Amino acid sequence: RFPKLSGPKVHMEAVVQLGEHYPTPPPEPADLDHAEACTLTVSDYY
């Protein structure tokens, strides 16, 4: 209907950070106090 409006439409934007090496990872997470074992099997989950 309006050919002048034809053209690329952006669907995604991203910024990627580059470096010489990976940064220091965060500390290990704390143990999960009061955590319960999951009763589902992997097959039942998926």
ModelCIF file with pLDDT and N, C-alpha, C, O atoms, coordinates in Angstrom:
data_MODEL
#
_entry.id   MODEL 
#
_entity.id                         1 
_entity.type                       polymer 
_entity.pdbx_number_of_molecules   1 
#
_entity_poly.entity_id                      1 
_entity_poly.type                           'polypeptide(L)' 
_entity_poly.nstd_linkage                   no 
_entity_poly.nstd_monomer                   no 
_entity_poly.pdbx_seq_one_letter_code       RFPKLSGPKVHMEAVVQLGEHYPTPPPEPADLDHAEACTLTVSDYY 
_entity_poly.pdbx_seq_one_letter_code_can   RFPKLSGPKVHMEAVVQLGEHYPTPPPEPADLDHAEACTLTVSDYY 
_entity_poly.pdbx_strand_id                 A 
#
loop_
_entity_poly_seq.entity_id 
_entity_poly_seq.num 
_entity_poly_seq.mon_id 
_entity_poly_seq.hetero 
1 1  ARG n 
1 2  PHE n 
1 3  PRO n 
1 4  LYS n 
1 5  LEU n 
1 6  SER n 
1 7  GLY n 
1 8  PRO n 
1 9  LYS n 
1 10 VAL n 
1 11 HIS n 
1 12 MET n 
1 13 GLU n 
1 14 ALA n 
1 15 VAL n 
1 16 VAL n 
1 17 GLN n 
1 18 LEU n 
1 19 GLY n 
1 20 GLU n 
1 21 HIS n 
1 22 TYR n 
1 23 PRO n 
1 24 THR n 
1 25 PRO n 
1 26 PRO n 
1 27 PRO n 
1 28 GLU n 
1 29 PRO n 
1 30 ALA n 
1 31 ASP n 
1 32 LEU n 
1 33 ASP n 
1 34 HIS n 
1 35 ALA n 
1 36 GLU n 
1 37 ALA n 
1 38 CYS n 
1 39 THR n 
1 40 LEU n 
1 41 THR n 
1 42 VAL n 
1 43 SER n 
1 44 ASP n 
1 45 TYR n 
1 46 TYR n 
#
_struct_asym.id          A 
_struct_asym.entity_id   1 
#
loop_
_ma_qa_metric.id 
_ma_qa_metric.mode 
_ma_qa_metric.name 
_ma_qa_metric.software_group_id 
_ma_qa_metric.type 
1 global pLDDT . pLDDT 
2 local  pLDDT . pLDDT 
#
_ma_qa_metric_global.metric_id      1 
_ma_qa_metric_global.metric_value   87.46 
_ma_qa_metric_global.model_id       1 
_ma_qa_metric_global.ordinal_id     1 
#
loop_
_ma_qa_metric_local.label_asym_id 
_ma_qa_metric_local.label_comp_id 
_ma_qa_metric_local.label_seq_id 
_ma_qa_metric_local.metric_id 
_ma_qa_metric_local.metric_value 
_ma_qa_metric_local.model_id 
_ma_qa_metric_local.ordinal_id 
A ARG 1  2 95.00 1 1  
A PHE 2  2 95.00 1 2  
A PRO 3  2 94.00 1 3  
A LYS 4  2 94.00 1 4  
A LEU 5  2 93.00 1 5  
A SER 6  2 93.00 1 6  
A GLY 7  2 93.00 1 7  
A PRO 8  2 92.00 1 8  
A LYS 9  2 92.00 1 9  
A VAL 10 2 93.00 1 10 
A HIS 11 2 90.00 1 11 
A MET 12 2 91.00 1 12 
A GLU 13 2 94.00 1 13 
A ALA 14 2 95.00 1 14 
A VAL 15 2 96.00 1 15 
A VAL 16 2 96.00 1 16 
A GLN 17 2 96.00 1 17 
A LEU 18 2 95.00 1 18 
A GLY 19 2 94.00 1 19 
A GLU 20 2 92.00 1 20 
A HIS 21 2 89.00 1 21 
A TYR 22 2 86.00 1 22 
A PRO 23 2 86.00 1 23 
A THR 24 2 89.00 1 24 
A PRO 25 2 85.00 1 25 
A PRO 26 2 83.00 1 26 
A PRO 27 2 86.00 1 27 
A GLU 28 2 80.00 1 28 
A PRO 29 2 75.00 1 29 
A ALA 30 2 75.00 1 30 
A ASP 31 2 77.00 1 31 
A LEU 32 2 78.00 1 32 
A ASP 33 2 74.00 1 33 
A HIS 34 2 78.00 1 34 
A ALA 35 2 81.00 1 35 
A GLU 36 2 82.00 1 36 
A ALA 37 2 84.00 1 37 
A CYS 38 2 83.00 1 38 
A THR 39 2 84.00 1 39 
A LEU 40 2 84.00 1 40 
A THR 41 2 87.00 1 41 
A VAL 42 2 86.00 1 42 
A SER 43 2 86.00 1 43 
A ASP 44 2 86.00 1 44 
A TYR 45 2 84.00 1 45 
A TYR 46 2 82.00 1 46 
#
loop_
_atom_site.group_PDB 
_atom_site.id 
_atom_site.type_symbol 
_atom_site.label_atom_id 
_atom_site.label_alt_id 
_atom_site.label_comp_id 
_atom_site.label_asym_id 
_atom_site.label_entity_id 
_atom_site.label_seq_id 
_atom_site.pdbx_PDB_ins_code 
_atom_site.Cartn_x 
_atom_site.Cartn_y 
_atom_site.Cartn_z 
_atom_site.occupancy 
_atom_site.B_iso_or_equiv 
_atom_site.pdbx_formal_charge 
_atom_site.auth_seq_id 
_atom_site.auth_comp_id 
_atom_site.auth_asym_id 
_atom_site.auth_atom_id 
_atom_site.pdbx_PDB_model_num 
ATOM 1   N N  . ARG A 1 1  ? 0.823  -1.218  0.000  1.00 95.00 ? 1  ARG A N  1 
ATOM 2   C CA . ARG A 1 1  ? 0.000  0.000   0.000  1.00 95.00 ? 1  ARG A CA 1 
ATOM 3   C C  . ARG A 1 1  ? 0.854  1.263   0.000  1.00 95.00 ? 1  ARG A C  1 
ATOM 4   O O  . ARG A 1 1  ? 0.538  2.228   -0.696 1.00 95.00 ? 1  ARG A O  1 
ATOM 5   N N  . PHE A 1 2  ? 1.929  1.260   0.774  1.00 95.00 ? 2  PHE A N  1 
ATOM 6   C CA . PHE A 1 2  ? 2.820  2.412   0.862  1.00 95.00 ? 2  PHE A CA 1 
ATOM 7   C C  . PHE A 1 2  ? 4.252  1.932   0.608  1.00 95.00 ? 2  PHE A C  1 
ATOM 8   O O  . PHE A 1 2  ? 4.997  1.704   1.562  1.00 95.00 ? 2  PHE A O  1 
ATOM 9   N N  . PRO A 1 3  ? 4.648  1.776   -0.652 1.00 94.00 ? 3  PRO A N  1 
ATOM 10  C CA . PRO A 1 3  ? 5.964  1.207   -0.991 1.00 94.00 ? 3  PRO A CA 1 
ATOM 11  C C  . PRO A 1 3  ? 7.144  1.927   -0.339 1.00 94.00 ? 3  PRO A C  1 
ATOM 12  O O  . PRO A 1 3  ? 8.166  1.297   -0.065 1.00 94.00 ? 3  PRO A O  1 
ATOM 13  N N  . LYS A 1 4  ? 7.028  3.213   -0.089 1.00 94.00 ? 4  LYS A N  1 
ATOM 14  C CA . LYS A 1 4  ? 8.137  3.930   0.537  1.00 94.00 ? 4  LYS A CA 1 
ATOM 15  C C  . LYS A 1 4  ? 8.386  3.460   1.974  1.00 94.00 ? 4  LYS A C  1 
ATOM 16  O O  . LYS A 1 4  ? 9.454  3.704   2.534  1.00 94.00 ? 4  LYS A O  1 
ATOM 17  N N  . LEU A 1 5  ? 7.402  2.788   2.562  1.00 93.00 ? 5  LEU A N  1 
ATOM 18  C CA . LEU A 1 5  ? 7.562  2.266   3.912  1.00 93.00 ? 5  LEU A CA 1 
ATOM 19  C C  . LEU A 1 5  ? 8.133  0.843   3.923  1.00 93.00 ? 5  LEU A C  1 
ATOM 20  O O  . LEU A 1 5  ? 8.334  0.258   4.987  1.00 93.00 ? 5  LEU A O  1 
ATOM 21  N N  . SER A 1 6  ? 8.391  0.296   2.737  1.00 93.00 ? 6  SER A N  1 
ATOM 22  C CA . SER A 1 6  ? 9.011  -1.027  2.662  1.00 93.00 ? 6  SER A CA 1 
ATOM 23  C C  . SER A 1 6  ? 10.463 -0.929  3.115  1.00 93.00 ? 6  SER A C  1 
ATOM 24  O O  . SER A 1 6  ? 11.102 0.113   2.969  1.00 93.00 ? 6  SER A O  1 
ATOM 25  N N  . GLY A 1 7  ? 10.958 -1.996  3.651  1.00 93.00 ? 7  GLY A N  1 
ATOM 26  C CA . GLY A 1 7  ? 12.355 -2.022  4.064  1.00 93.00 ? 7  GLY A CA 1 
ATOM 27  C C  . GLY A 1 7  ? 12.569 -2.947  5.240  1.00 93.00 ? 7  GLY A C  1 
ATOM 28  O O  . GLY A 1 7  ? 11.654 -3.656  5.659  1.00 93.00 ? 7  GLY A O  1 
ATOM 29  N N  . PRO A 1 8  ? 13.789 -2.939  5.778  1.00 92.00 ? 8  PRO A N  1 
ATOM 30  C CA . PRO A 1 8  ? 14.086 -3.836  6.894  1.00 92.00 ? 8  PRO A CA 1 
ATOM 31  C C  . PRO A 1 8  ? 13.380 -3.404  8.176  1.00 92.00 ? 8  PRO A C  1 
ATOM 32  O O  . PRO A 1 8  ? 13.307 -2.219  8.502  1.00 92.00 ? 8  PRO A O  1 
ATOM 33  N N  . LYS A 1 9  ? 12.863 -4.407  8.892  1.00 92.00 ? 9  LYS A N  1 
ATOM 34  C CA . LYS A 1 9  ? 12.254 -4.180  10.200 1.00 92.00 ? 9  LYS A CA 1 
ATOM 35  C C  . LYS A 1 9  ? 13.115 -4.919  11.219 1.00 92.00 ? 9  LYS A C  1 
ATOM 36  O O  . LYS A 1 9  ? 13.326 -6.126  11.105 1.00 92.00 ? 9  LYS A O  1 
ATOM 37  N N  . VAL A 1 10 ? 13.608 -4.191  12.211 1.00 93.00 ? 10 VAL A N  1 
ATOM 38  C CA . VAL A 1 10 ? 14.468 -4.789  13.236 1.00 93.00 ? 10 VAL A CA 1 
ATOM 39  C C  . VAL A 1 10 ? 13.631 -5.634  14.185 1.00 93.00 ? 10 VAL A C  1 
ATOM 40  O O  . VAL A 1 10 ? 12.636 -5.167  14.740 1.00 93.00 ? 10 VAL A O  1 
ATOM 41  N N  . HIS A 1 11 ? 14.048 -6.882  14.362 1.00 90.00 ? 11 HIS A N  1 
ATOM 42  C CA . HIS A 1 11 ? 13.351 -7.812  15.258 1.00 90.00 ? 11 HIS A CA 1 
ATOM 43  C C  . HIS A 1 11 ? 14.143 -8.076  16.544 1.00 90.00 ? 11 HIS A C  1 
ATOM 44  O O  . HIS A 1 11 ? 13.568 -8.513  17.540 1.00 90.00 ? 11 HIS A O  1 
ATOM 45  N N  . MET A 1 12 ? 15.457 -7.815  16.533 1.00 91.00 ? 12 MET A N  1 
ATOM 46  C CA . MET A 1 12 ? 16.291 -8.090  17.701 1.00 91.00 ? 12 MET A CA 1 
ATOM 47  C C  . MET A 1 12 ? 17.439 -7.096  17.744 1.00 91.00 ? 12 MET A C  1 
ATOM 48  O O  . MET A 1 12 ? 17.994 -6.716  16.713 1.00 91.00 ? 12 MET A O  1 
ATOM 49  N N  . GLU A 1 13 ? 17.784 -6.683  18.956 1.00 94.00 ? 13 GLU A N  1 
ATOM 50  C CA . GLU A 1 13 ? 18.964 -5.852  19.175 1.00 94.00 ? 13 GLU A CA 1 
ATOM 51  C C  . GLU A 1 13 ? 19.773 -6.473  20.306 1.00 94.00 ? 13 GLU A C  1 
ATOM 52  O O  . GLU A 1 13 ? 19.216 -6.979  21.280 1.00 94.00 ? 13 GLU A O  1 
ATOM 53  N N  . ALA A 1 14 ? 21.078 -6.429  20.165 1.00 95.00 ? 14 ALA A N  1 
ATOM 54  C CA . ALA A 1 14 ? 21.945 -6.987  21.203 1.00 95.00 ? 14 ALA A CA 1 
ATOM 55  C C  . ALA A 1 14 ? 23.244 -6.192  21.259 1.00 95.00 ? 14 ALA A C  1 
ATOM 56  O O  . ALA A 1 14 ? 23.643 -5.542  20.292 1.00 95.00 ? 14 ALA A O  1 
ATOM 57  N N  . VAL A 1 15 ? 23.884 -6.264  22.411 1.00 96.00 ? 15 VAL A N  1 
ATOM 58  C CA . VAL A 1 15 ? 25.243 -5.749  22.585 1.00 96.00 ? 15 VAL A CA 1 
ATOM 59  C C  . VAL A 1 15 ? 26.074 -6.901  23.118 1.00 96.00 ? 15 VAL A C  1 
ATOM 60  O O  . VAL A 1 15 ? 25.725 -7.526  24.119 1.00 96.00 ? 15 VAL A O  1 
ATOM 61  N N  . VAL A 1 16 ? 27.174 -7.175  22.440 1.00 96.00 ? 16 VAL A N  1 
ATOM 62  C CA . VAL A 1 16 ? 28.070 -8.260  22.827 1.00 96.00 ? 16 VAL A CA 1 
ATOM 63  C C  . VAL A 1 16 ? 29.356 -7.640  23.352 1.00 96.00 ? 16 VAL A C  1 
ATOM 64  O O  . VAL A 1 16 ? 29.955 -6.793  22.689 1.00 96.00 ? 16 VAL A O  1 
ATOM 65  N N  . GLN A 1 17 ? 29.784 -8.061  24.546 1.00 96.00 ? 17 GLN A N  1 
ATOM 66  C CA . GLN A 1 17 ? 31.044 -7.573  25.125 1.00 96.00 ? 17 GLN A CA 1 
ATOM 67  C C  . GLN A 1 17 ? 32.172 -8.522  24.759 1.00 96.00 ? 17 GLN A C  1 
ATOM 68  O O  . GLN A 1 17 ? 32.027 -9.743  24.819 1.00 96.00 ? 17 GLN A O  1 
ATOM 69  N N  . LEU A 1 18 ? 33.301 -7.933  24.378 1.00 95.00 ? 18 LEU A N  1 
ATOM 70  C CA . LEU A 1 18 ? 34.491 -8.703  24.018 1.00 95.00 ? 18 LEU A CA 1 
ATOM 71  C C  . LEU A 1 18 ? 35.596 -8.441  25.022 1.00 95.00 ? 18 LEU A C  1 
ATOM 72  O O  . LEU A 1 18 ? 35.606 -7.400  25.679 1.00 95.00 ? 18 LEU A O  1 
ATOM 73  N N  . GLY A 1 19 ? 36.516 -9.365  25.145 1.00 94.00 ? 19 GLY A N  1 
ATOM 74  C CA . GLY A 1 19 ? 37.664 -9.192  26.025 1.00 94.00 ? 19 GLY A CA 1 
ATOM 75  C C  . GLY A 1 19 ? 38.777 -10.146 25.650 1.00 94.00 ? 19 GLY A C  1 
ATOM 76  O O  . GLY A 1 19 ? 38.652 -10.944 24.721 1.00 94.00 ? 19 GLY A O  1 
ATOM 77  N N  . GLU A 1 20 ? 39.863 -10.049 26.388 1.00 92.00 ? 20 GLU A N  1 
ATOM 78  C CA . GLU A 1 20 ? 41.003 -10.941 26.154 1.00 92.00 ? 20 GLU A CA 1 
ATOM 79  C C  . GLU A 1 20 ? 40.784 -12.303 26.797 1.00 92.00 ? 20 GLU A C  1 
ATOM 80  O O  . GLU A 1 20 ? 41.286 -13.315 26.308 1.00 92.00 ? 20 GLU A O  1 
ATOM 81  N N  . HIS A 1 21 ? 40.023 -12.325 27.907 1.00 89.00 ? 21 HIS A N  1 
ATOM 82  C CA . HIS A 1 21 ? 39.748 -13.575 28.617 1.00 89.00 ? 21 HIS A CA 1 
ATOM 83  C C  . HIS A 1 21 ? 38.472 -13.393 29.428 1.00 89.00 ? 21 HIS A C  1 
ATOM 84  O O  . HIS A 1 21 ? 37.978 -12.279 29.599 1.00 89.00 ? 21 HIS A O  1 
ATOM 85  N N  . TYR A 1 22 ? 37.956 -14.498 29.915 1.00 86.00 ? 22 TYR A N  1 
ATOM 86  C CA . TYR A 1 22 ? 36.731 -14.460 30.716 1.00 86.00 ? 22 TYR A CA 1 
ATOM 87  C C  . TYR A 1 22 ? 36.991 -13.766 32.046 1.00 86.00 ? 22 TYR A C  1 
ATOM 88  O O  . TYR A 1 22 ? 38.077 -13.903 32.609 1.00 86.00 ? 22 TYR A O  1 
ATOM 89  N N  . PRO A 1 23 ? 36.009 -13.023 32.557 1.00 86.00 ? 23 PRO A N  1 
ATOM 90  C CA . PRO A 1 23 ? 36.181 -12.405 33.867 1.00 86.00 ? 23 PRO A CA 1 
ATOM 91  C C  . PRO A 1 23 ? 36.159 -13.472 34.969 1.00 86.00 ? 23 PRO A C  1 
ATOM 92  O O  . PRO A 1 23 ? 35.763 -14.612 34.729 1.00 86.00 ? 23 PRO A O  1 
ATOM 93  N N  . THR A 1 24 ? 36.583 -13.097 36.159 1.00 89.00 ? 24 THR A N  1 
ATOM 94  C CA . THR A 1 24 ? 36.541 -14.002 37.307 1.00 89.00 ? 24 THR A CA 1 
ATOM 95  C C  . THR A 1 24 ? 35.093 -14.397 37.579 1.00 89.00 ? 24 THR A C  1 
ATOM 96  O O  . THR A 1 24 ? 34.224 -13.528 37.658 1.00 89.00 ? 24 THR A O  1 
ATOM 97  N N  . PRO A 1 25 ? 34.819 -15.684 37.724 1.00 85.00 ? 25 PRO A N  1 
ATOM 98  C CA . PRO A 1 25 ? 33.428 -16.097 37.954 1.00 85.00 ? 25 PRO A CA 1 
ATOM 99  C C  . PRO A 1 25 ? 32.952 -15.671 39.335 1.00 85.00 ? 25 PRO A C  1 
ATOM 100 O O  . PRO A 1 25 ? 33.764 -15.442 40.231 1.00 85.00 ? 25 PRO A O  1 
ATOM 101 N N  . PRO A 1 26 ? 31.628 -15.564 39.509 1.00 83.00 ? 26 PRO A N  1 
ATOM 102 C CA . PRO A 1 26 ? 31.096 -15.233 40.827 1.00 83.00 ? 26 PRO A CA 1 
ATOM 103 C C  . PRO A 1 26 ? 31.346 -16.390 41.790 1.00 83.00 ? 26 PRO A C  1 
ATOM 104 O O  . PRO A 1 26 ? 31.633 -17.503 41.350 1.00 83.00 ? 26 PRO A O  1 
ATOM 105 N N  . PRO A 1 27 ? 31.243 -16.144 43.095 1.00 86.00 ? 27 PRO A N  1 
ATOM 106 C CA . PRO A 1 27 ? 31.447 -17.234 44.058 1.00 86.00 ? 27 PRO A CA 1 
ATOM 107 C C  . PRO A 1 27 ? 30.372 -18.302 43.913 1.00 86.00 ? 27 PRO A C  1 
ATOM 108 O O  . PRO A 1 27 ? 29.276 -18.046 43.415 1.00 86.00 ? 27 PRO A O  1 
ATOM 109 N N  . GLU A 1 28 ? 30.713 -19.497 44.358 1.00 80.00 ? 28 GLU A N  1 
ATOM 110 C CA . GLU A 1 28 ? 29.751 -20.599 44.336 1.00 80.00 ? 28 GLU A CA 1 
ATOM 111 C C  . GLU A 1 28 ? 28.520 -20.206 45.160 1.00 80.00 ? 28 GLU A C  1 
ATOM 112 O O  . GLU A 1 28 ? 28.657 -19.572 46.206 1.00 80.00 ? 28 GLU A O  1 
ATOM 113 N N  . PRO A 1 29 ? 27.321 -20.575 44.699 1.00 75.00 ? 29 PRO A N  1 
ATOM 114 C CA . PRO A 1 29 ? 26.127 -20.252 45.483 1.00 75.00 ? 29 PRO A CA 1 
ATOM 115 C C  . PRO A 1 29 ? 26.108 -21.043 46.786 1.00 75.00 ? 29 PRO A C  1 
ATOM 116 O O  . PRO A 1 29 ? 26.705 -22.114 46.890 1.00 75.00 ? 29 PRO A O  1 
ATOM 117 N N  . ALA A 1 30 ? 25.416 -20.498 47.767 1.00 75.00 ? 30 ALA A N  1 
ATOM 118 C CA . ALA A 1 30 ? 25.293 -21.157 49.069 1.00 75.00 ? 30 ALA A CA 1 
ATOM 119 C C  . ALA A 1 30 ? 24.480 -22.441 48.922 1.00 75.00 ? 30 ALA A C  1 
ATOM 120 O O  . ALA A 1 30 ? 23.706 -22.601 47.978 1.00 75.00 ? 30 ALA A O  1 
ATOM 121 N N  . ASP A 1 31 ? 24.673 -23.353 49.879 1.00 77.00 ? 31 ASP A N  1 
ATOM 122 C CA . ASP A 1 31 ? 23.870 -24.565 49.883 1.00 77.00 ? 31 ASP A CA 1 
ATOM 123 C C  . ASP A 1 31 ? 22.399 -24.194 50.005 1.00 77.00 ? 31 ASP A C  1 
ATOM 124 O O  . ASP A 1 31 ? 22.045 -23.173 50.593 1.00 77.00 ? 31 ASP A O  1 
ATOM 125 N N  . LEU A 1 32 ? 21.557 -25.038 49.440 1.00 78.00 ? 32 LEU A N  1 
ATOM 126 C CA . LEU A 1 32 ? 20.118 -24.789 49.483 1.00 78.00 ? 32 LEU A CA 1 
ATOM 127 C C  . LEU A 1 32 ? 19.536 -25.388 50.752 1.00 78.00 ? 32 LEU A C  1 
ATOM 128 O O  . LEU A 1 32 ? 19.156 -26.559 50.782 1.00 78.00 ? 32 LEU A O  1 
ATOM 129 N N  . ASP A 1 33 ? 19.471 -24.577 51.794 1.00 74.00 ? 33 ASP A N  1 
ATOM 130 C CA . ASP A 1 33 ? 18.856 -25.037 53.042 1.00 74.00 ? 33 ASP A CA 1 
ATOM 131 C C  . ASP A 1 33 ? 17.375 -25.306 52.794 1.00 74.00 ? 33 ASP A C  1 
ATOM 132 O O  . ASP A 1 33 ? 16.715 -24.562 52.068 1.00 74.00 ? 33 ASP A O  1 
ATOM 133 N N  . HIS A 1 34 ? 16.876 -26.331 53.378 1.00 78.00 ? 34 HIS A N  1 
ATOM 134 C CA . HIS A 1 34 ? 15.458 -26.699 53.289 1.00 78.00 ? 34 HIS A CA 1 
ATOM 135 C C  . HIS A 1 34 ? 15.027 -27.108 51.881 1.00 78.00 ? 34 HIS A C  1 
ATOM 136 O O  . HIS A 1 34 ? 13.831 -27.126 51.591 1.00 78.00 ? 34 HIS A O  1 
ATOM 137 N N  . ALA A 1 35 ? 15.961 -27.431 51.016 1.00 81.00 ? 35 ALA A N  1 
ATOM 138 C CA . ALA A 1 35 ? 15.600 -27.852 49.663 1.00 81.00 ? 35 ALA A CA 1 
ATOM 139 C C  . ALA A 1 35 ? 15.057 -29.269 49.692 1.00 81.00 ? 35 ALA A C  1 
ATOM 140 O O  . ALA A 1 35 ? 15.500 -30.110 50.475 1.00 81.00 ? 35 ALA A O  1 
ATOM 141 N N  . GLU A 1 36 ? 14.100 -29.510 48.833 1.00 82.00 ? 36 GLU A N  1 
ATOM 142 C CA . GLU A 1 36 ? 13.502 -30.835 48.723 1.00 82.00 ? 36 GLU A CA 1 
ATOM 143 C C  . GLU A 1 36 ? 13.913 -31.463 47.401 1.00 82.00 ? 36 GLU A C  1 
ATOM 144 O O  . GLU A 1 36 ? 14.074 -30.775 46.393 1.00 82.00 ? 36 GLU A O  1 
ATOM 145 N N  . ALA A 1 37 ? 14.078 -32.775 47.421 1.00 84.00 ? 37 ALA A N  1 
ATOM 146 C CA . ALA A 1 37 ? 14.383 -33.483 46.181 1.00 84.00 ? 37 ALA A CA 1 
ATOM 147 C C  . ALA A 1 37 ? 13.161 -33.436 45.277 1.00 84.00 ? 37 ALA A C  1 
ATOM 148 O O  . ALA A 1 37 ? 12.029 -33.580 45.739 1.00 84.00 ? 37 ALA A O  1 
ATOM 149 N N  . CYS A 1 38 ? 13.394 -33.237 44.012 1.00 83.00 ? 38 CYS A N  1 
ATOM 150 C CA . CYS A 1 38 ? 12.300 -33.213 43.049 1.00 83.00 ? 38 CYS A CA 1 
ATOM 151 C C  . CYS A 1 38 ? 11.785 -34.638 42.870 1.00 83.00 ? 38 CYS A C  1 
ATOM 152 O O  . CYS A 1 38 ? 12.574 -35.566 42.693 1.00 83.00 ? 38 CYS A O  1 
ATOM 153 N N  . THR A 1 39 ? 10.482 -34.812 42.915 1.00 84.00 ? 39 THR A N  1 
ATOM 154 C CA . THR A 1 39 ? 9.909  -36.156 42.833 1.00 84.00 ? 39 THR A CA 1 
ATOM 155 C C  . THR A 1 39 ? 9.657  -36.606 41.395 1.00 84.00 ? 39 THR A C  1 
ATOM 156 O O  . THR A 1 39 ? 9.385  -37.784 41.161 1.00 84.00 ? 39 THR A O  1 
ATOM 157 N N  . LEU A 1 40 ? 9.741  -35.691 40.429 1.00 84.00 ? 40 LEU A N  1 
ATOM 158 C CA . LEU A 1 40 ? 9.553  -36.063 39.028 1.00 84.00 ? 40 LEU A CA 1 
ATOM 159 C C  . LEU A 1 40 ? 10.798 -36.749 38.480 1.00 84.00 ? 40 LEU A C  1 
ATOM 160 O O  . LEU A 1 40 ? 11.918 -36.475 38.909 1.00 84.00 ? 40 LEU A O  1 
ATOM 161 N N  . THR A 1 41 ? 10.579 -37.639 37.532 1.00 87.00 ? 41 THR A N  1 
ATOM 162 C CA . THR A 1 41 ? 11.717 -38.156 36.776 1.00 87.00 ? 41 THR A CA 1 
ATOM 163 C C  . THR A 1 41 ? 12.017 -37.164 35.653 1.00 87.00 ? 41 THR A C  1 
ATOM 164 O O  . THR A 1 41 ? 11.179 -36.326 35.320 1.00 87.00 ? 41 THR A O  1 
ATOM 165 N N  . VAL A 1 42 ? 13.207 -37.262 35.077 1.00 86.00 ? 42 VAL A N  1 
ATOM 166 C CA . VAL A 1 42 ? 13.564 -36.386 33.970 1.00 86.00 ? 42 VAL A CA 1 
ATOM 167 C C  . VAL A 1 42 ? 12.583 -36.582 32.817 1.00 86.00 ? 42 VAL A C  1 
ATOM 168 O O  . VAL A 1 42 ? 12.159 -35.608 32.195 1.00 86.00 ? 42 VAL A O  1 
ATOM 169 N N  . SER A 1 43 ? 12.224 -37.814 32.530 1.00 86.00 ? 43 SER A N  1 
ATOM 170 C CA . SER A 1 43 ? 11.281 -38.107 31.460 1.00 86.00 ? 43 SER A CA 1 
ATOM 171 C C  . SER A 1 43 ? 9.923  -37.462 31.739 1.00 86.00 ? 43 SER A C  1 
ATOM 172 O O  . SER A 1 43 ? 9.336  -36.841 30.852 1.00 86.00 ? 43 SER A O  1 
ATOM 173 N N  . ASP A 1 44 ? 9.421  -37.609 32.970 1.00 86.00 ? 44 ASP A N  1 
ATOM 174 C CA . ASP A 1 44 ? 8.137  -36.994 33.335 1.00 86.00 ? 44 ASP A CA 1 
ATOM 175 C C  . ASP A 1 44 ? 8.201  -35.478 33.237 1.00 86.00 ? 44 ASP A C  1 
ATOM 176 O O  . ASP A 1 44 ? 7.220  -34.834 32.866 1.00 86.00 ? 44 ASP A O  1 
ATOM 177 N N  . TYR A 1 45 ? 9.347  -34.909 33.566 1.00 84.00 ? 45 TYR A N  1 
ATOM 178 C CA . TYR A 1 45 ? 9.507  -33.462 33.488 1.00 84.00 ? 45 TYR A CA 1 
ATOM 179 C C  . TYR A 1 45 ? 9.361  -32.978 32.049 1.00 84.00 ? 45 TYR A C  1 
ATOM 180 O O  . TYR A 1 45 ? 8.579  -32.066 31.780 1.00 84.00 ? 45 TYR A O  1 
ATOM 181 N N  . TYR A 1 46 ? 10.101 -33.578 31.127 1.00 82.00 ? 46 TYR A N  1 
ATOM 182 C CA . TYR A 1 46 ? 10.064 -33.131 29.745 1.00 82.00 ? 46 TYR A CA 1 
ATOM 183 C C  . TYR A 1 46 ? 8.763  -33.495 29.031 1.00 82.00 ? 46 TYR A C  1 
ATOM 184 O O  . TYR A 1 46 ? 8.596  -33.178 27.853 1.00 82.00 ? 46 TYR A O  1 
#
